[in-house]
Amino acid sequence: MNETFPKYYNILEGLAAALPGDFIGGEKPCWQDFFVANWLDIFGDTIMGQDFLNTYPELKKIKDNVFALPAISEYLKTREKTFV
């Protein structure tokens, strides 16, 4: 966990930094944004702790941008938080 996760998070961080716009697909979200945001949220809640994203600002930006979308934001206010 201390070697493999950071290795791949660094790769993803570099890819995210190279992308134009606020999302993986540019200025509009695509399904990959939702996948990555959910994955980062689950890993933050279960394995890494939410503070781990402070080391990866570009990945945090993608997650924050997805979670700020009006419909997603509204859903997150009322959803039941579960393990998965």
N, C-alpha and C. Protein backbone atom coordinates (compact mmCIF):
# COMPACT_ATOMS: atom_id res chain seq x y z
N MET A 1 0.82 -1.19 0.00
CA MET A 1 0.00 0.00 0.00
C MET A 1 0.87 1.26 0.00
N ASN A 2 1.97 1.21 0.71
CA ASN A 2 2.84 2.38 0.79
C ASN A 2 3.70 2.58 -0.45
N GLU A 3 3.81 1.55 -1.27
CA GLU A 3 4.61 1.67 -2.49
C GLU A 3 3.73 1.71 -3.74
N THR A 4 2.80 0.79 -3.84
CA THR A 4 2.02 0.65 -5.06
C THR A 4 1.04 1.80 -5.25
N PHE A 5 0.26 2.13 -4.22
CA PHE A 5 -0.72 3.21 -4.36
C PHE A 5 -0.06 4.53 -4.74
N PRO A 6 0.97 4.98 -4.02
CA PRO A 6 1.59 6.25 -4.41
C PRO A 6 2.15 6.22 -5.83
N LYS A 7 2.68 5.09 -6.24
CA LYS A 7 3.22 4.99 -7.60
C LYS A 7 2.13 5.30 -8.63
N TYR A 8 0.98 4.67 -8.48
CA TYR A 8 -0.09 4.86 -9.46
C TYR A 8 -0.81 6.19 -9.28
N TYR A 9 -0.93 6.66 -8.04
CA TYR A 9 -1.51 7.98 -7.84
C TYR A 9 -0.64 9.06 -8.48
N ASN A 10 0.68 8.91 -8.41
CA ASN A 10 1.58 9.86 -9.06
C ASN A 10 1.41 9.84 -10.58
N ILE A 11 1.22 8.65 -11.13
CA ILE A 11 0.99 8.55 -12.58
C ILE A 11 -0.32 9.24 -12.94
N LEU A 12 -1.39 8.95 -12.19
CA LEU A 12 -2.69 9.58 -12.46
C LEU A 12 -2.63 11.09 -12.25
N GLU A 13 -1.90 11.52 -11.24
CA GLU A 13 -1.75 12.96 -10.98
C GLU A 13 -1.08 13.64 -12.17
N GLY A 14 -0.04 13.02 -12.70
CA GLY A 14 0.64 13.58 -13.87
C GLY A 14 -0.26 13.64 -15.08
N LEU A 15 -1.05 12.60 -15.29
CA LEU A 15 -2.00 12.61 -16.41
C LEU A 15 -3.05 13.70 -16.22
N ALA A 16 -3.57 13.83 -15.02
CA ALA A 16 -4.59 14.84 -14.74
C ALA A 16 -4.02 16.25 -14.93
N ALA A 17 -2.77 16.46 -14.55
CA ALA A 17 -2.14 17.77 -14.70
C ALA A 17 -1.96 18.14 -16.17
N ALA A 18 -1.80 17.15 -17.01
CA ALA A 18 -1.59 17.40 -18.45
C ALA A 18 -2.89 17.65 -19.21
N LEU A 19 -4.02 17.38 -18.58
CA LEU A 19 -5.31 17.53 -19.26
C LEU A 19 -5.79 18.98 -19.20
N PRO A 20 -6.31 19.48 -20.32
CA PRO A 20 -6.89 20.82 -20.28
C PRO A 20 -8.29 20.78 -19.67
N GLY A 21 -8.68 21.83 -19.02
CA GLY A 21 -10.04 21.92 -18.50
C GLY A 21 -10.17 21.42 -17.08
N ASP A 22 -11.40 21.41 -16.61
CA ASP A 22 -11.70 21.05 -15.23
C ASP A 22 -12.03 19.57 -15.03
N PHE A 23 -12.14 18.85 -16.13
CA PHE A 23 -12.51 17.45 -16.08
C PHE A 23 -11.58 16.64 -16.97
N ILE A 24 -11.65 15.33 -16.86
CA ILE A 24 -10.82 14.46 -17.69
C ILE A 24 -11.09 14.70 -19.16
N GLY A 25 -12.35 14.91 -19.49
CA GLY A 25 -12.73 15.13 -20.88
C GLY A 25 -12.65 16.57 -21.35
N GLY A 26 -12.13 17.45 -20.52
CA GLY A 26 -12.03 18.86 -20.90
C GLY A 26 -12.92 19.72 -20.03
N GLU A 27 -13.80 20.48 -20.67
CA GLU A 27 -14.67 21.40 -19.93
C GLU A 27 -15.96 20.76 -19.45
N LYS A 28 -16.31 19.60 -20.00
CA LYS A 28 -17.53 18.91 -19.60
C LYS A 28 -17.18 17.55 -19.01
N PRO A 29 -17.91 17.13 -17.98
CA PRO A 29 -17.61 15.83 -17.38
C PRO A 29 -17.97 14.67 -18.30
N CYS A 30 -17.22 13.62 -18.19
CA CYS A 30 -17.49 12.37 -18.91
C CYS A 30 -17.57 11.25 -17.87
N TRP A 31 -17.91 10.06 -18.31
CA TRP A 31 -18.11 8.97 -17.35
C TRP A 31 -16.85 8.69 -16.55
N GLN A 32 -15.68 8.93 -17.13
CA GLN A 32 -14.43 8.67 -16.42
C GLN A 32 -14.29 9.58 -15.20
N ASP A 33 -14.80 10.81 -15.30
CA ASP A 33 -14.76 11.72 -14.15
C ASP A 33 -15.55 11.16 -12.98
N PHE A 34 -16.73 10.63 -13.27
CA PHE A 34 -17.57 10.07 -12.22
C PHE A 34 -16.91 8.84 -11.60
N PHE A 35 -16.30 8.01 -12.42
CA PHE A 35 -15.60 6.82 -11.94
C PHE A 35 -14.45 7.22 -11.02
N VAL A 36 -13.61 8.14 -11.48
CA VAL A 36 -12.44 8.55 -10.70
C VAL A 36 -12.87 9.23 -9.40
N ALA A 37 -13.86 10.12 -9.46
CA ALA A 37 -14.31 10.82 -8.26
C ALA A 37 -14.85 9.83 -7.23
N ASN A 38 -15.63 8.87 -7.68
CA ASN A 38 -16.18 7.88 -6.76
C ASN A 38 -15.07 7.01 -6.17
N TRP A 39 -14.16 6.58 -7.00
CA TRP A 39 -13.03 5.75 -6.58
C TRP A 39 -12.19 6.48 -5.53
N LEU A 40 -11.87 7.75 -5.78
CA LEU A 40 -11.09 8.52 -4.82
C LEU A 40 -11.84 8.70 -3.51
N ASP A 41 -13.15 8.90 -3.59
CA ASP A 41 -13.96 9.05 -2.39
C ASP A 41 -13.96 7.77 -1.56
N ILE A 42 -14.16 6.65 -2.22
CA ILE A 42 -14.16 5.36 -1.52
C ILE A 42 -12.80 5.07 -0.89
N PHE A 43 -11.72 5.29 -1.65
CA PHE A 43 -10.39 5.06 -1.10
C PHE A 43 -10.11 5.99 0.06
N GLY A 44 -10.58 7.22 -0.02
CA GLY A 44 -10.40 8.17 1.07
C GLY A 44 -11.15 7.77 2.32
N ASP A 45 -12.34 7.22 2.14
CA ASP A 45 -13.15 6.80 3.27
C ASP A 45 -12.68 5.49 3.90
N THR A 46 -12.13 4.60 3.11
CA THR A 46 -11.86 3.25 3.59
C THR A 46 -10.39 2.90 3.81
N ILE A 47 -9.50 3.41 2.98
CA ILE A 47 -8.12 2.95 3.02
C ILE A 47 -7.13 4.06 3.33
N MET A 48 -7.23 5.15 2.59
CA MET A 48 -6.18 6.17 2.62
C MET A 48 -6.46 7.32 3.58
N GLY A 49 -7.71 7.60 3.89
CA GLY A 49 -8.06 8.79 4.64
C GLY A 49 -8.21 9.96 3.67
N GLN A 50 -9.18 10.82 3.90
CA GLN A 50 -9.47 11.89 2.95
C GLN A 50 -8.29 12.85 2.74
N ASP A 51 -7.41 12.96 3.72
CA ASP A 51 -6.27 13.88 3.58
C ASP A 51 -5.28 13.45 2.51
N PHE A 52 -5.34 12.20 2.07
CA PHE A 52 -4.37 11.75 1.07
C PHE A 52 -4.46 12.57 -0.21
N LEU A 53 -5.62 13.12 -0.50
CA LEU A 53 -5.76 13.90 -1.73
C LEU A 53 -5.03 15.24 -1.68
N ASN A 54 -4.63 15.67 -0.51
CA ASN A 54 -3.84 16.91 -0.42
C ASN A 54 -2.51 16.76 -1.14
N THR A 55 -2.03 15.54 -1.27
CA THR A 55 -0.78 15.27 -1.99
C THR A 55 -0.99 15.26 -3.50
N TYR A 56 -2.23 15.13 -3.93
CA TYR A 56 -2.55 15.01 -5.35
C TYR A 56 -3.59 16.07 -5.74
N PRO A 57 -3.18 17.32 -5.87
CA PRO A 57 -4.14 18.40 -6.09
C PRO A 57 -4.93 18.30 -7.40
N GLU A 58 -4.35 17.72 -8.42
CA GLU A 58 -5.08 17.59 -9.69
C GLU A 58 -6.18 16.54 -9.59
N LEU A 59 -5.92 15.45 -8.91
CA LEU A 59 -6.96 14.45 -8.70
C LEU A 59 -8.04 15.00 -7.78
N LYS A 60 -7.63 15.76 -6.77
CA LYS A 60 -8.60 16.38 -5.87
C LYS A 60 -9.49 17.35 -6.64
N LYS A 61 -8.89 18.08 -7.58
CA LYS A 61 -9.66 19.03 -8.39
C LYS A 61 -10.75 18.30 -9.19
N ILE A 62 -10.40 17.18 -9.78
CA ILE A 62 -11.39 16.42 -10.54
C ILE A 62 -12.52 15.95 -9.62
N LYS A 63 -12.15 15.39 -8.48
CA LYS A 63 -13.18 14.93 -7.54
C LYS A 63 -14.06 16.09 -7.09
N ASP A 64 -13.45 17.19 -6.70
CA ASP A 64 -14.21 18.35 -6.24
C ASP A 64 -15.12 18.91 -7.33
N ASN A 65 -14.65 18.94 -8.56
CA ASN A 65 -15.47 19.45 -9.66
C ASN A 65 -16.67 18.55 -9.93
N VAL A 66 -16.48 17.25 -9.85
CA VAL A 66 -17.60 16.32 -10.04
C VAL A 66 -18.59 16.47 -8.88
N PHE A 67 -18.08 16.51 -7.67
CA PHE A 67 -18.97 16.61 -6.51
C PHE A 67 -19.67 17.97 -6.43
N ALA A 68 -19.17 18.97 -7.15
CA ALA A 68 -19.79 20.29 -7.17
C ALA A 68 -20.88 20.43 -8.24
N LEU A 69 -20.98 19.46 -9.14
CA LEU A 69 -22.05 19.51 -10.14
C LEU A 69 -23.39 19.54 -9.39
N PRO A 70 -24.33 20.40 -9.81
CA PRO A 70 -25.56 20.58 -9.04
C PRO A 70 -26.30 19.30 -8.68
N ALA A 71 -26.52 18.41 -9.61
CA ALA A 71 -27.26 17.18 -9.31
C ALA A 71 -26.48 16.27 -8.37
N ILE A 72 -25.16 16.20 -8.55
CA ILE A 72 -24.33 15.37 -7.68
C ILE A 72 -24.28 15.97 -6.28
N SER A 73 -24.09 17.28 -6.22
CA SER A 73 -24.05 17.97 -4.93
C SER A 73 -25.33 17.76 -4.14
N GLU A 74 -26.45 17.87 -4.81
CA GLU A 74 -27.74 17.67 -4.15
C GLU A 74 -27.88 16.24 -3.66
N TYR A 75 -27.49 15.29 -4.47
CA TYR A 75 -27.55 13.88 -4.08
C TYR A 75 -26.67 13.62 -2.85
N LEU A 76 -25.46 14.17 -2.85
CA LEU A 76 -24.53 13.92 -1.76
C LEU A 76 -25.04 14.46 -0.42
N LYS A 77 -25.88 15.47 -0.46
CA LYS A 77 -26.44 16.04 0.77
C LYS A 77 -27.41 15.07 1.45
N THR A 78 -28.04 14.23 0.67
CA THR A 78 -29.11 13.38 1.23
C THR A 78 -28.82 11.89 1.19
N ARG A 79 -27.75 11.49 0.55
CA ARG A 79 -27.49 10.04 0.44
C ARG A 79 -27.09 9.45 1.77
N GLU A 80 -27.38 8.20 1.90
CA GLU A 80 -26.92 7.46 3.06
C GLU A 80 -25.50 7.02 2.79
N LYS A 81 -24.60 7.35 3.68
CA LYS A 81 -23.19 6.99 3.52
C LYS A 81 -23.01 5.53 3.90
N THR A 82 -22.55 4.72 2.95
CA THR A 82 -22.32 3.30 3.19
C THR A 82 -20.86 2.96 2.92
N PHE A 83 -20.50 1.74 3.17
CA PHE A 83 -19.12 1.30 2.96
C PHE A 83 -18.73 1.38 1.49
N VAL A 84 -19.64 1.08 0.59
CA VAL A 84 -19.33 1.10 -0.85
C VAL A 84 -20.22 2.06 -1.57
